[in-house]
Amino acid sequence: MFATNGNFTATEKIEINTGTDQSQSQMQSTYKGIVWNKSSQKTENCLTRINPTFENNIYLHSPKVIVERVRGSKGTFDKIISDSEIIFKDVDNIHQSTHSSQKSLSAGAALVLSLAVSLATGNPFAASSIPSAMLMLVMELCVVKRRFAWWNRMAILTKQ
């Protein structure tokens, strides 16, 4: 490509691209409590496009002229004068965001839960793994709830 005083000449094509500003951020947080441990991660990637601007007229001499512009922008290319038709290529700004979080029992809560399951079942090996211990505790709570509901019904029936 050859350029003098705002005149640009090319034998195949002239392409004018948007400016870009790229940013990336990452955030991580961790909380360790008595019962729960929580952690979360968030990442953001942004690509912002900026239309090209010209102070003076520019003259383009080429069989093919391609100008990138931010989608939806209008009237910012009035200083581009071309021998051939200008082909506009619309581009978008990009914003990507991801978020993930995790929650788990703290070591102290897991120990208390294991102990409670061992005591409730009378089997010291019943709580050898936390998932089975949690399942056993939930099952035990369901049994206790049913028994309580049965006693409530019996009390209501005996009052009548």
Protein backbone atom coordinates (compact mmCIF):
# COMPACT_ATOMS: atom_id res chain seq x y z
CA MET A 1 0.00 0.00 0.00
CA PHE A 2 1.24 3.47 -0.84
CA ALA A 3 0.12 6.62 1.03
CA THR A 4 0.73 10.36 0.53
CA ASN A 5 -1.18 13.28 2.08
CA GLY A 6 -4.32 11.29 2.92
CA ASN A 7 -4.28 9.37 -0.37
CA PHE A 8 -4.05 5.59 -0.05
CA THR A 9 -3.53 3.35 -3.07
CA ALA A 10 -3.53 -0.46 -3.17
CA THR A 11 -3.73 -2.95 -6.04
CA GLU A 12 -5.92 -5.55 -4.28
CA LYS A 13 -7.73 -4.11 -1.26
CA ILE A 14 -7.63 -1.60 1.56
CA GLU A 15 -8.97 -2.67 4.94
CA ILE A 16 -9.51 -0.31 7.86
CA ASN A 17 -10.07 -2.09 11.17
CA THR A 18 -11.61 -0.95 14.43
CA GLY A 19 -9.41 -0.22 17.39
CA THR A 20 -9.66 -2.72 20.24
CA ASP A 21 -9.31 -2.50 23.98
CA GLN A 22 -9.04 -5.84 25.74
CA SER A 23 -9.31 -6.40 29.48
CA GLN A 24 -9.42 -9.43 31.71
CA SER A 25 -10.18 -9.65 35.41
CA GLN A 26 -10.26 -12.49 37.86
CA MET A 27 -11.61 -12.57 41.41
CA GLN A 28 -11.49 -15.32 43.99
CA SER A 29 -12.97 -15.37 47.47
CA THR A 30 -12.74 -17.93 50.25
CA TYR A 31 -14.68 -18.20 53.49
CA LYS A 32 -13.91 -20.72 56.22
CA GLY A 33 -16.56 -20.86 58.89
CA ILE A 34 -17.42 -23.11 61.80
CA VAL A 35 -19.94 -25.15 59.79
CA TRP A 36 -19.33 -24.33 56.10
CA ASN A 37 -16.36 -23.63 53.86
CA LYS A 38 -17.23 -21.59 50.78
CA SER A 39 -15.20 -20.50 47.79
CA SER A 40 -16.11 -18.69 44.60
CA GLN A 41 -14.30 -17.70 41.42
CA LYS A 42 -15.33 -15.12 38.85
CA THR A 43 -13.62 -14.21 35.58
CA GLU A 44 -14.49 -11.54 33.04
CA ASN A 45 -13.11 -11.02 29.55
CA CYS A 46 -13.99 -7.86 27.63
CA LEU A 47 -13.12 -6.84 24.09
CA THR A 48 -14.30 -3.32 23.34
CA ARG A 49 -14.14 -2.07 19.76
CA ILE A 50 -13.66 1.57 18.78
CA ASN A 51 -14.53 2.97 15.34
CA PRO A 52 -11.67 4.59 13.43
CA THR A 53 -11.89 8.39 13.23
CA PHE A 54 -10.20 10.80 10.85
CA GLU A 55 -9.55 14.54 11.27
CA ASN A 56 -9.29 15.17 7.53
CA ASN A 57 -10.62 13.49 4.41
CA ILE A 58 -8.83 10.35 3.30
CA TYR A 59 -8.90 9.16 -0.29
CA LEU A 60 -8.81 5.44 -0.97
CA HIS A 61 -7.88 4.10 -4.40
CA SER A 62 -8.39 0.33 -4.56
CA PRO A 63 -10.73 -2.16 -6.26
CA LYS A 64 -11.93 -3.30 -2.82
CA VAL A 65 -12.33 -1.18 0.34
CA ILE A 66 -13.40 -2.83 3.62
CA VAL A 67 -14.11 -0.79 6.74
CA GLU A 68 -14.84 -2.41 10.08
CA ARG A 69 -17.34 -0.62 12.31
CA VAL A 70 -19.03 -1.30 15.61
CA ARG A 71 -22.46 -2.79 14.96
CA GLY A 72 -25.18 -0.11 15.08
CA SER A 73 -22.86 2.89 14.66
CA LYS A 74 -23.78 5.42 11.98
CA GLY A 75 -22.40 8.55 10.36
CA THR A 76 -18.80 8.25 11.56
CA PHE A 77 -17.23 7.53 8.18
CA ASP A 78 -18.10 10.66 6.20
CA LYS A 79 -14.41 11.58 5.75
CA ILE A 80 -13.62 8.40 3.81
CA ILE A 81 -13.76 8.97 0.06
CA SER A 82 -13.26 5.92 -2.15
CA ASP A 83 -13.10 5.16 -5.87
CA SER A 84 -15.00 1.90 -5.26
CA GLU A 85 -17.93 0.97 -3.08
CA ILE A 86 -17.07 0.74 0.63
CA ILE A 87 -17.94 -2.63 2.16
CA PHE A 88 -18.79 -2.24 5.85
CA LYS A 89 -18.02 -5.16 8.12
CA ASP A 90 -19.98 -4.96 11.40
CA VAL A 91 -18.19 -6.23 14.52
CA ASP A 92 -19.46 -6.62 18.08
CA ASN A 93 -18.10 -5.84 21.50
CA ILE A 94 -17.55 -9.04 23.47
CA HIS A 95 -18.22 -9.52 27.17
CA GLN A 96 -17.78 -12.98 28.69
CA SER A 97 -18.31 -13.71 32.34
CA THR A 98 -18.05 -16.96 34.29
CA HIS A 99 -18.85 -17.65 37.92
CA SER A 100 -18.48 -20.80 39.97
CA SER A 101 -18.85 -21.51 43.66
CA GLN A 102 -18.39 -24.44 45.99
CA LYS A 103 -19.70 -25.16 49.45
CA SER A 104 -18.59 -27.95 51.77
CA LEU A 105 -18.74 -28.92 55.41
CA SER A 106 -15.88 -27.69 57.56
CA ALA A 107 -13.63 -30.26 59.23
CA GLY A 108 -15.22 -29.56 62.62
CA ALA A 109 -18.78 -29.96 61.32
CA ALA A 110 -17.83 -33.18 59.50
CA LEU A 111 -16.37 -34.57 62.73
CA VAL A 112 -19.50 -33.68 64.73
CA LEU A 113 -21.70 -35.20 62.03
CA SER A 114 -19.63 -38.41 62.00
CA LEU A 115 -19.82 -38.64 65.76
CA ALA A 116 -23.59 -38.08 65.75
CA VAL A 117 -24.11 -40.82 63.15
CA SER A 118 -21.87 -43.20 65.09
CA LEU A 119 -23.81 -42.55 68.29
CA ALA A 120 -27.22 -42.73 66.61
CA THR A 121 -26.53 -46.03 64.87
CA GLY A 122 -24.35 -47.58 67.56
CA ASN A 123 -21.88 -48.50 64.85
CA PRO A 124 -18.50 -46.72 65.04
CA PHE A 125 -17.79 -47.57 61.38
CA ALA A 126 -21.08 -46.16 60.05
CA ALA A 127 -19.59 -42.71 59.59
CA SER A 128 -16.43 -43.78 57.81
CA SER A 129 -17.29 -41.47 54.93
CA ILE A 130 -19.01 -38.13 55.15
CA PRO A 131 -21.49 -38.70 52.29
CA SER A 132 -22.79 -41.87 53.95
CA ALA A 133 -22.84 -40.07 57.29
CA MET A 134 -24.92 -37.27 55.82
CA LEU A 135 -27.30 -39.79 54.26
CA MET A 136 -27.68 -41.62 57.57
CA LEU A 137 -28.36 -38.38 59.42
CA VAL A 138 -31.03 -37.38 56.92
CA MET A 139 -32.63 -40.82 57.20
CA GLU A 140 -32.55 -40.63 61.00
CA LEU A 141 -34.13 -37.18 60.95
CA CYS A 142 -36.93 -38.50 58.71
CA VAL A 143 -37.60 -41.36 61.14
CA VAL A 144 -37.66 -38.97 64.11
CA LYS A 145 -40.02 -36.65 62.22
CA ARG A 146 -42.40 -39.52 61.44
CA ARG A 147 -42.37 -40.66 65.07
CA PHE A 148 -43.10 -37.12 66.25
CA ALA A 149 -45.99 -36.82 63.77
CA TRP A 150 -47.39 -40.17 64.97
CA TRP A 151 -47.22 -39.05 68.64
CA ASN A 152 -48.95 -35.78 67.73
CA ARG A 153 -51.78 -37.69 66.03
CA MET A 154 -52.14 -40.00 69.02
CA ALA A 155 -52.31 -37.04 71.40
CA ILE A 156 -55.00 -35.39 69.29
CA LEU A 157 -57.03 -38.62 69.13
CA THR A 158 -56.84 -39.22 72.89
CA LYS A 159 -58.03 -35.66 73.66
CA GLN A 160 -61.22 -36.19 71.69
